[in-house]
């Protein structure tokens, strides 16, 4: 709190017809350069507190004249905002500057140049923006994401919620935690590598990650999110950082796997602890494969009176389905696709995904809508999709470009529980006859 209390407003007079002169981009460039020189390969954070848009120098998103409006979704859709693209390129260059310098050995090092610069130098960039106007979060998003930084958007630096958010950045472990007691929970320079058995491959990752361009036999040609690699740079991490990994089953359906065959996944996470030491955590998971009965995917419609699809058929995949995790994974893919596709196309893709899921795992009789049933493992999935389609993650109505970028970034790094809270509003039904109960959709 003392950091916020010590902040003072710039006393320099500002004409009434102009915005405050802010050189946010230049300040970030100087701060990252100082850390690179003073603390190379050591964990550090650049915490930027900004109260308005950048109006001067590199990274400017609007002119100082108040007669010119801030960019809107319509302006960005028409490419009618001349300052947006240069600002994005400038902040992206801050994330790539040192990586390019470290891999200037020739043309063959182009894949290594994709390595996140500030992550390799263990420096994180956080943005704490409090303003009633936009501040340029949309343009700075790539830099924050590449370094694994935090992003907080509020109305005033004096809000208790904002102060609590800042305080949690410096959380420490409990004193009784072995080896880490009393030390900060933040870590720096993190990388993640995924190894798999031969039956499936890595399609990609979605979250605060940057591709390291590492090829391998377990890298799938089908890319989802940041694909084409089995290793990513995470930059700064904390116990709450969450990354979604997507896989592609490569074993052809014509050659079923042997009975008892097990799959293996190993996550190798390397990071620099807050005490300065480098740690490597290996997490290995294994589980059985399920071979569907021959012809299950190409079965003919059941004859009249013989029941419907999936009626009474045991299926281990259905019994082990995690609908909460599946909803968040689907939401991350949908949000990621909004970067390159129109929102209407993304919504249609979400609808088709739900239809395919229900056609595969629901119990129903053809031409009888009243017979449609979903098992408890799938019953909430349509409700999650219903709220996702109408959420601020896919709908741009009543949100500025900065707010939309902020919401989508938060979804990409939060865990399953927090993501579902953001996707689906909490609806409770109160009664005199018992405690509050969740109100589900009809």
Protein backbone atom coordinates (compact mmCIF):
# COMPACT_ATOMS: atom_id res chain seq x y z
CA UNK A 1 0.00 0.00 0.00
CA UNK A 2 2.88 2.39 0.63
CA UNK A 3 3.78 2.13 -3.08
CA UNK A 4 0.36 3.43 -4.06
CA UNK A 5 0.35 6.10 -1.36
CA UNK A 6 3.69 7.43 -2.54
CA UNK A 7 2.43 7.94 -6.09
CA UNK A 8 2.00 11.61 -6.94
CA UNK A 9 0.17 13.21 -9.82
CA UNK A 10 2.29 15.02 -12.37
CA UNK A 11 1.93 18.74 -11.49
CA UNK A 12 2.73 19.90 -15.02
CA UNK A 13 -0.24 21.91 -16.34
CA UNK A 14 -2.28 20.37 -19.15
CA UNK A 15 -4.37 22.44 -21.59
CA UNK A 16 -8.08 21.72 -21.37
CA UNK A 17 -8.27 20.69 -25.02
CA UNK A 18 -5.43 18.17 -24.80
CA UNK A 19 -4.72 14.88 -23.09
CA UNK A 20 -1.91 14.38 -20.61
CA UNK A 21 1.44 13.75 -22.28
CA UNK A 22 2.40 10.15 -21.49
CA UNK A 23 5.34 8.26 -22.97
CA UNK A 24 4.41 4.84 -21.62
CA UNK A 25 6.20 2.95 -24.38
CA UNK A 26 9.44 4.83 -23.87
CA UNK A 27 9.27 4.26 -20.11
CA UNK A 28 8.80 0.51 -20.60
CA UNK A 29 11.72 0.38 -23.02
CA UNK A 30 14.00 2.16 -20.55
CA UNK A 31 12.88 -0.02 -17.63
CA UNK A 32 13.44 -3.32 -19.45
CA UNK A 33 16.82 -2.13 -20.74
CA UNK A 34 17.97 -1.17 -17.24
CA UNK A 35 17.00 -4.57 -15.87
CA UNK A 36 18.75 -6.35 -18.74
CA UNK A 37 21.95 -4.50 -17.92
CA UNK A 38 21.73 -4.55 -14.12
CA UNK A 39 20.24 -8.02 -13.52
CA UNK A 40 20.95 -10.30 -16.48
CA UNK A 41 19.61 -13.84 -16.04
CA UNK A 42 18.16 -12.90 -12.65
CA UNK A 43 14.48 -12.75 -11.74
CA UNK A 44 12.96 -9.25 -11.75
CA UNK A 45 9.67 -7.49 -12.46
CA UNK A 46 8.72 -4.28 -14.22
CA UNK A 47 5.51 -3.08 -12.60
CA UNK A 48 3.87 -0.31 -14.58
CA UNK A 49 1.13 1.78 -12.99
CA UNK A 50 -0.64 3.71 -15.71
CA UNK A 51 -3.59 6.08 -15.39
CA UNK A 52 -4.25 6.91 -19.03
CA UNK A 53 -3.34 6.21 -22.65
CA UNK A 54 0.11 6.65 -24.16
CA UNK A 55 0.01 9.86 -26.21
CA UNK A 56 3.67 10.54 -27.00
CA UNK A 57 6.58 8.61 -28.44
CA UNK A 58 6.62 4.95 -29.44
CA UNK A 59 3.59 2.95 -28.40
CA UNK A 60 1.19 5.91 -28.61
CA UNK A 61 -2.41 4.84 -29.26
CA UNK A 62 -4.06 8.27 -29.54
CA UNK A 63 -2.99 11.85 -30.12
CA UNK A 64 -3.04 14.48 -27.42
CA UNK A 65 -5.92 16.34 -29.06
CA UNK A 66 -9.21 15.50 -27.37
CA UNK A 67 -11.01 16.07 -30.63
CA UNK A 68 -9.72 12.65 -31.73
CA UNK A 69 -11.53 9.71 -30.14
CA UNK A 70 -9.98 6.54 -28.79
CA UNK A 71 -10.05 3.50 -31.08
CA UNK A 72 -13.17 1.33 -30.94
CA UNK A 73 -14.05 -2.16 -32.14
CA UNK A 74 -15.52 -0.68 -35.30
CA UNK A 75 -12.31 1.26 -36.02
CA UNK A 76 -10.19 -1.84 -35.55
CA UNK A 77 -12.49 -3.90 -37.79
CA UNK A 78 -12.17 -1.31 -40.57
CA UNK A 79 -8.41 -0.84 -40.03
CA UNK A 80 -9.24 2.82 -39.53
CA UNK A 81 -6.90 3.31 -36.55
CA UNK A 82 -3.42 4.26 -37.86
CA UNK A 83 -1.70 4.13 -34.45
CA UNK A 84 -2.85 0.65 -33.43
CA UNK A 85 -0.54 -1.48 -35.60
CA UNK A 86 2.65 0.56 -34.94
CA UNK A 87 1.96 0.40 -31.19
CA UNK A 88 1.49 -3.39 -31.31
CA UNK A 89 4.71 -3.77 -33.29
CA UNK A 90 6.62 -1.65 -30.79
CA UNK A 91 5.51 -3.62 -27.72
CA UNK A 92 6.15 -6.88 -29.60
CA UNK A 93 9.68 -5.67 -30.34
CA UNK A 94 10.29 -5.20 -26.62
CA UNK A 95 9.49 -8.89 -26.17
CA UNK A 96 11.77 -9.99 -29.01
CA UNK A 97 14.66 -7.55 -28.76
CA UNK A 98 17.05 -9.60 -26.66
CA UNK A 99 16.06 -12.89 -28.26
CA UNK A 100 17.06 -11.54 -31.66
CA UNK A 101 20.34 -10.30 -30.25
CA UNK A 102 21.04 -13.67 -28.67
CA UNK A 103 20.28 -15.61 -31.87
CA UNK A 104 21.95 -13.44 -34.47
CA UNK A 105 24.22 -16.28 -35.56
CA UNK A 106 22.54 -16.71 -38.94
CA UNK A 107 19.39 -17.49 -40.83
CA UNK A 108 19.21 -20.97 -39.39
CA UNK A 109 18.35 -19.59 -35.98
CA UNK A 110 14.98 -18.16 -36.95
CA UNK A 111 13.08 -20.65 -34.78
CA UNK A 112 15.17 -19.74 -31.77
CA UNK A 113 14.42 -16.09 -32.38
CA UNK A 114 10.84 -16.82 -31.41
CA UNK A 115 12.01 -17.39 -27.86
CA UNK A 116 10.52 -14.88 -25.48
CA UNK A 117 13.22 -12.30 -24.66
CA UNK A 118 12.11 -11.13 -21.30
CA UNK A 119 11.42 -14.70 -20.21
CA UNK A 120 14.90 -15.85 -21.18
CA UNK A 121 16.28 -12.94 -19.20
CA UNK A 122 13.85 -13.79 -16.36
CA UNK A 123 12.18 -10.38 -16.44
CA UNK A 124 8.42 -9.99 -16.13
CA UNK A 125 6.29 -7.02 -17.20
CA UNK A 126 3.12 -6.31 -15.20
CA UNK A 127 0.51 -3.69 -16.10
CA UNK A 128 -1.68 -2.12 -13.42
CA UNK A 129 -4.09 0.20 -15.20
CA UNK A 130 -6.59 2.36 -13.36
CA UNK A 131 -8.50 4.80 -15.53
CA UNK A 132 -12.00 5.55 -16.74
CA UNK A 133 -10.55 5.69 -20.26
CA UNK A 134 -8.64 3.09 -22.25
CA UNK A 135 -4.90 2.91 -21.58
CA UNK A 136 -3.61 0.61 -24.34
CA UNK A 137 -3.97 -2.82 -22.73
CA UNK A 138 -4.85 -4.24 -26.14
CA UNK A 139 -1.53 -3.16 -27.61
CA UNK A 140 0.56 -4.11 -24.56
CA UNK A 141 -1.09 -7.51 -24.24
CA UNK A 142 1.51 -9.36 -26.30
CA UNK A 143 4.37 -8.08 -24.13
CA UNK A 144 2.57 -9.00 -20.91
CA UNK A 145 1.63 -12.44 -22.21
CA UNK A 146 5.12 -13.16 -23.54
CA UNK A 147 6.73 -12.41 -20.19
CA UNK A 148 4.09 -14.17 -18.08
CA UNK A 149 3.12 -10.90 -16.45
CA UNK A 150 -0.01 -9.86 -14.63
CA UNK A 151 -2.68 -7.52 -15.88
CA UNK A 152 -5.05 -5.62 -13.59
CA UNK A 153 -7.73 -3.23 -14.85
CA UNK A 154 -9.61 -0.93 -12.49
CA UNK A 155 -11.15 2.49 -12.04
CA UNK A 156 -8.98 3.92 -9.27
CA UNK A 157 -5.72 3.11 -7.52
CA UNK A 158 -7.46 3.70 -4.21
CA UNK A 159 -9.92 0.82 -4.56
CA UNK A 160 -9.58 -1.86 -1.90
CA UNK A 161 -9.89 -4.58 -4.54
CA UNK A 162 -6.98 -3.09 -6.47
CA UNK A 163 -4.82 -2.84 -3.35
CA UNK A 164 -5.56 -6.46 -2.50
CA UNK A 165 -4.62 -7.52 -6.04
CA UNK A 166 -1.29 -5.73 -5.71
CA UNK A 167 -0.64 -7.26 -2.31
CA UNK A 168 -1.21 -10.78 -3.64
CA UNK A 169 1.60 -10.34 -6.16
CA UNK A 170 4.04 -10.51 -3.24
CA UNK A 171 2.47 -13.48 -1.48
CA UNK A 172 4.87 -15.73 0.45
CA UNK A 173 4.79 -19.35 1.48
CA UNK A 174 3.79 -20.24 5.00
CA UNK A 175 6.68 -20.40 7.43
CA UNK A 176 6.17 -24.12 8.04
CA UNK A 177 6.65 -25.02 4.33
CA UNK A 178 9.92 -26.99 3.98
CA UNK A 179 12.71 -25.10 2.16
CA UNK A 180 10.33 -22.38 0.91
CA UNK A 181 8.95 -21.04 4.18
CA UNK A 182 8.71 -17.24 4.13
CA UNK A 183 9.88 -16.93 0.51
CA UNK A 184 7.82 -15.32 -2.25
CA UNK A 185 5.68 -17.58 -4.41
CA UNK A 186 6.62 -15.91 -7.68
CA UNK A 187 9.10 -17.61 -10.02
CA UNK A 188 10.89 -16.47 -13.18
CA UNK A 189 12.23 -17.71 -16.50
CA UNK A 190 9.93 -20.74 -16.58
CA UNK A 191 9.83 -23.19 -19.48
CA UNK A 192 7.54 -26.16 -20.07
CA UNK A 193 8.32 -29.25 -22.15
CA UNK A 194 5.83 -32.05 -22.83
CA UNK A 195 6.86 -35.62 -23.64
CA UNK A 196 4.39 -38.30 -24.70
CA UNK A 197 4.24 -41.96 -25.70
CA UNK A 198 4.02 -42.79 -29.39
CA UNK A 199 0.24 -43.19 -29.65
CA UNK A 200 -0.49 -39.46 -29.49
CA UNK A 201 1.24 -36.14 -30.11
CA UNK A 202 1.22 -32.57 -28.83
CA UNK A 203 -0.98 -30.20 -30.85
CA UNK A 204 -0.25 -27.01 -28.92
CA UNK A 205 -0.81 -24.94 -25.81
CA UNK A 206 -3.04 -21.98 -24.93
CA UNK A 207 -2.16 -19.67 -22.08
CA UNK A 208 0.58 -17.20 -21.16
CA UNK A 209 3.12 -19.09 -23.27
CA UNK A 210 5.50 -18.41 -26.14
CA UNK A 211 6.65 -21.13 -28.51
CA UNK A 212 10.28 -22.21 -28.24
CA UNK A 213 10.13 -23.77 -31.70
CA UNK A 214 11.38 -27.15 -30.48
CA UNK A 215 10.52 -29.89 -32.94
CA UNK A 216 10.30 -33.53 -32.03
CA UNK A 217 8.65 -36.82 -32.98
CA UNK A 218 5.74 -36.08 -30.64
CA UNK A 219 4.83 -32.76 -32.31
CA UNK A 220 1.57 -33.00 -34.26
CA UNK A 221 0.90 -31.39 -37.62
CA UNK A 222 -2.53 -30.40 -36.31
CA UNK A 223 -1.89 -27.15 -34.45
CA UNK A 224 -4.10 -25.81 -31.66
CA UNK A 225 -3.11 -22.49 -30.11
CA UNK A 226 0.68 -22.15 -29.94
CA UNK A 227 1.52 -25.32 -31.86
CA UNK A 228 4.36 -26.72 -33.90
CA UNK A 229 6.48 -27.38 -30.79
CA UNK A 230 6.59 -29.43 -27.61
CA UNK A 231 8.27 -26.74 -25.48
CA UNK A 232 7.15 -23.27 -24.46
CA UNK A 233 8.44 -20.34 -22.49
CA UNK A 234 6.16 -19.23 -19.66
CA UNK A 235 8.22 -16.33 -18.27
CA UNK A 236 6.96 -15.45 -14.82
CA UNK A 237 4.79 -17.99 -13.03
CA UNK A 238 3.10 -18.48 -9.67
CA UNK A 239 1.14 -21.36 -8.09
CA UNK A 240 -2.02 -20.15 -9.86
CA UNK A 241 -0.64 -20.10 -13.42
CA UNK A 242 -2.57 -22.52 -15.64
CA UNK A 243 -1.70 -23.67 -19.17
CA UNK A 244 -3.98 -25.74 -21.43
CA UNK A 245 -2.19 -28.47 -23.41
CA UNK A 246 -3.95 -30.10 -26.39
CA UNK A 247 -3.11 -33.50 -27.86
CA UNK A 248 -3.78 -35.35 -31.11
CA UNK A 249 -4.32 -39.12 -31.17
CA UNK A 250 -2.22 -40.42 -34.05
CA UNK A 251 -2.96 -44.14 -33.77
CA UNK A 252 -5.24 -45.05 -36.71
CA UNK A 253 -8.65 -46.45 -35.84
CA UNK A 254 -8.08 -49.42 -38.16
CA UNK A 255 -5.36 -50.82 -35.86
CA UNK A 256 -6.65 -50.95 -32.28
CA UNK A 257 -4.16 -50.78 -29.46
CA UNK A 258 -3.32 -53.93 -27.51
CA UNK A 259 -5.43 -54.57 -24.45
CA UNK A 260 -3.84 -53.12 -21.36
CA UNK A 261 -1.82 -50.59 -23.35
CA UNK A 262 -1.14 -47.45 -21.29
CA UNK A 263 -0.40 -43.88 -22.31
CA UNK A 264 2.30 -41.74 -20.74
CA UNK A 265 2.68 -37.96 -20.45
CA UNK A 266 5.55 -36.12 -18.80
CA UNK A 267 5.65 -32.40 -18.05
CA UNK A 268 9.11 -30.91 -17.48
CA UNK A 269 8.84 -27.50 -15.82
CA UNK A 270 12.04 -25.54 -15.28
CA UNK A 271 12.01 -22.20 -13.45
CA UNK A 272 14.10 -19.88 -11.33
CA UNK A 273 12.86 -19.79 -7.74
CA UNK A 274 12.56 -16.49 -5.88
CA UNK A 275 15.72 -17.45 -3.96
CA UNK A 276 17.67 -17.44 -7.24
CA UNK A 277 18.05 -21.19 -7.66
CA UNK A 278 16.90 -23.06 -10.76
CA UNK A 279 14.49 -25.92 -10.21
CA UNK A 280 13.26 -28.70 -12.47
CA UNK A 281 9.95 -30.38 -11.73
CA UNK A 282 9.03 -33.56 -13.62
CA UNK A 283 5.37 -34.64 -13.51
CA UNK A 284 4.61 -38.03 -15.10
CA UNK A 285 1.08 -39.28 -15.72
CA UNK A 286 -0.16 -42.57 -17.12
CA UNK A 287 -3.54 -44.06 -17.91
CA UNK A 288 -5.21 -46.80 -19.96
CA UNK A 289 -6.40 -46.55 -23.54
CA UNK A 290 -9.95 -47.48 -24.49
CA UNK A 291 -10.61 -49.39 -27.71
CA UNK A 292 -14.15 -48.81 -28.97
CA UNK A 293 -15.98 -51.89 -30.26
CA UNK A 294 -15.56 -52.51 -34.00
CA UNK A 295 -17.94 -50.41 -36.06
CA UNK A 296 -19.10 -48.24 -33.17
CA UNK A 297 -18.58 -45.03 -35.15
CA UNK A 298 -20.25 -46.43 -38.29
CA UNK A 299 -23.21 -48.27 -36.78
CA UNK A 300 -26.54 -48.22 -38.59
CA UNK A 301 -29.62 -46.59 -37.05
CA UNK A 302 -31.35 -48.92 -34.58
CA UNK A 303 -34.52 -50.56 -35.84
CA UNK A 304 -37.89 -49.42 -34.43
CA UNK A 305 -38.54 -50.74 -30.98
CA UNK A 306 -34.91 -51.73 -30.44
CA UNK A 307 -33.97 -48.69 -28.37
CA UNK A 308 -31.84 -45.69 -29.36
CA UNK A 309 -28.25 -44.67 -29.74
CA UNK A 310 -25.93 -45.36 -26.77
CA UNK A 311 -28.83 -46.73 -24.71
CA UNK A 312 -27.33 -48.83 -21.92
CA UNK A 313 -23.91 -49.08 -23.55
CA UNK A 314 -21.05 -48.90 -21.03
CA UNK A 315 -18.32 -46.51 -22.11
CA UNK A 316 -15.28 -45.68 -19.95
CA UNK A 317 -14.82 -42.42 -21.86
CA UNK A 318 -18.28 -41.25 -20.80
CA UNK A 319 -17.71 -42.27 -17.20
CA UNK A 320 -14.41 -40.36 -16.95
CA UNK A 321 -15.46 -37.19 -18.78
CA UNK A 322 -14.69 -33.95 -16.90
CA UNK A 323 -17.23 -31.47 -18.22
CA UNK A 324 -15.86 -28.53 -16.22
CA UNK A 325 -12.35 -28.94 -17.66
CA UNK A 326 -13.77 -29.59 -21.14
CA UNK A 327 -15.80 -26.37 -21.03
CA UNK A 328 -12.73 -24.32 -20.09
CA UNK A 329 -10.60 -26.01 -22.76
CA UNK A 330 -13.27 -25.28 -25.37
CA UNK A 331 -13.53 -21.69 -24.16
CA UNK A 332 -9.78 -21.16 -24.51
CA UNK A 333 -9.79 -22.46 -28.06
CA UNK A 334 -12.76 -20.25 -28.93
CA UNK A 335 -11.11 -17.16 -27.46
CA UNK A 336 -7.85 -17.95 -29.24
CA UNK A 337 -9.66 -18.27 -32.57
CA UNK A 338 -11.16 -14.80 -32.17
CA UNK A 339 -7.66 -13.42 -32.84
CA UNK A 340 -7.81 -14.56 -36.47
CA UNK A 341 -11.50 -15.27 -37.14
CA UNK A 342 -14.76 -13.39 -36.99
CA UNK A 343 -16.73 -13.85 -33.77
CA UNK A 344 -19.75 -15.15 -35.71
CA UNK A 345 -17.63 -17.93 -37.22
CA UNK A 346 -16.28 -18.82 -33.78
CA UNK A 347 -19.81 -19.04 -32.36
CA UNK A 348 -20.83 -21.42 -35.15
CA UNK A 349 -17.77 -23.55 -34.40
CA UNK A 350 -18.76 -23.69 -30.71
CA UNK A 351 -22.29 -24.77 -31.66
CA UNK A 352 -20.98 -27.51 -33.98
CA UNK A 353 -18.65 -28.77 -31.26
CA UNK A 354 -21.55 -29.13 -28.82
CA UNK A 355 -23.68 -30.88 -31.45
CA UNK A 356 -20.91 -33.39 -32.20
CA UNK A 357 -20.41 -34.05 -28.49
CA UNK A 358 -24.10 -34.71 -27.91
CA UNK A 359 -24.41 -36.89 -31.01
CA UNK A 360 -21.49 -38.99 -29.81
CA UNK A 361 -22.30 -39.44 -26.13
CA UNK A 362 -25.98 -38.59 -25.55
CA UNK A 363 -28.69 -41.25 -25.16
CA UNK A 364 -31.54 -40.73 -27.61
CA UNK A 365 -33.96 -42.35 -30.01
CA UNK A 366 -33.95 -40.98 -33.57
CA UNK A 367 -36.82 -38.62 -34.41
CA UNK A 368 -37.91 -38.49 -30.76
CA UNK A 369 -36.72 -35.25 -29.10
CA UNK A 370 -38.26 -36.25 -25.77
CA UNK A 371 -35.92 -39.24 -25.54
CA UNK A 372 -32.76 -37.11 -25.50
CA UNK A 373 -30.79 -37.64 -22.28
CA UNK A 374 -27.33 -36.68 -21.08
CA UNK A 375 -25.60 -38.59 -18.32
CA UNK A 376 -24.55 -36.61 -15.23
CA UNK A 377 -20.99 -36.42 -16.59
CA UNK A 378 -22.30 -34.36 -19.57
CA UNK A 379 -25.46 -32.74 -18.20
CA UNK A 380 -23.91 -29.31 -17.47
CA UNK A 381 -21.99 -29.00 -20.75
CA UNK A 382 -24.87 -27.36 -22.72
CA UNK A 383 -25.34 -24.89 -19.88
CA UNK A 384 -21.65 -23.94 -19.93
CA UNK A 385 -21.78 -23.41 -23.71
CA UNK A 386 -24.97 -21.35 -23.37
CA UNK A 387 -23.25 -18.91 -21.02
CA UNK A 388 -19.98 -18.94 -22.99
CA UNK A 389 -21.75 -17.78 -26.16
CA UNK A 390 -23.17 -14.81 -24.27
CA UNK A 391 -20.09 -14.02 -22.16
CA UNK A 392 -17.79 -11.03 -22.47
CA UNK A 393 -15.14 -13.38 -23.88
CA UNK A 394 -16.94 -13.79 -27.20
CA UNK A 395 -19.37 -10.86 -27.25
CA UNK A 396 -17.93 -7.38 -27.77
CA UNK A 397 -21.09 -5.47 -26.95
CA UNK A 398 -20.74 -3.03 -24.04
CA UNK A 399 -16.98 -3.51 -23.76
CA UNK A 400 -14.03 -1.49 -25.05
CA UNK A 401 -11.11 -3.08 -26.92
CA UNK A 402 -9.03 -2.83 -23.73
CA UNK A 403 -11.67 -4.57 -21.65
CA UNK A 404 -12.11 -7.35 -24.22
CA UNK A 405 -8.34 -7.95 -24.32
CA UNK A 406 -8.19 -7.96 -20.52
CA UNK A 407 -11.04 -10.47 -20.10
CA UNK A 408 -9.57 -12.84 -22.67
CA UNK A 409 -6.09 -12.67 -21.16
CA UNK A 410 -7.41 -13.46 -17.68
CA UNK A 411 -9.32 -16.47 -19.03
CA UNK A 412 -6.12 -17.80 -20.65
CA UNK A 413 -4.24 -18.08 -17.32
CA UNK A 414 -6.86 -18.84 -14.65
CA UNK A 415 -7.65 -22.32 -13.35
CA UNK A 416 -10.80 -24.30 -14.08
CA UNK A 417 -12.80 -23.11 -11.09
CA UNK A 418 -12.10 -19.42 -11.61
CA UNK A 419 -12.69 -19.71 -15.36
CA UNK A 420 -16.10 -21.29 -14.84
CA UNK A 421 -17.05 -18.54 -12.41
CA UNK A 422 -16.26 -16.00 -15.13
CA UNK A 423 -18.05 -17.96 -17.86
CA UNK A 424 -21.17 -18.90 -15.93
CA UNK A 425 -22.76 -16.41 -13.53
CA UNK A 426 -23.64 -17.66 -10.06
CA UNK A 427 -27.40 -18.15 -9.95
CA UNK A 428 -28.89 -19.29 -6.64
CA UNK A 429 -32.49 -20.17 -5.77
CA UNK A 430 -33.60 -19.26 -2.25
CA UNK A 431 -36.42 -20.96 -0.41
CA UNK A 432 -37.92 -21.04 3.09
CA UNK A 433 -37.78 -24.83 2.98
CA UNK A 434 -34.01 -25.26 2.78
CA UNK A 435 -30.61 -23.75 2.00
CA UNK A 436 -29.88 -21.95 -1.29
CA UNK A 437 -29.52 -24.25 -4.30
CA UNK A 438 -27.99 -23.59 -7.75
CA UNK A 439 -30.54 -22.52 -10.34
CA UNK A 440 -29.90 -24.53 -13.50
CA UNK A 441 -31.16 -23.85 -16.99
CA UNK A 442 -34.38 -25.54 -18.09
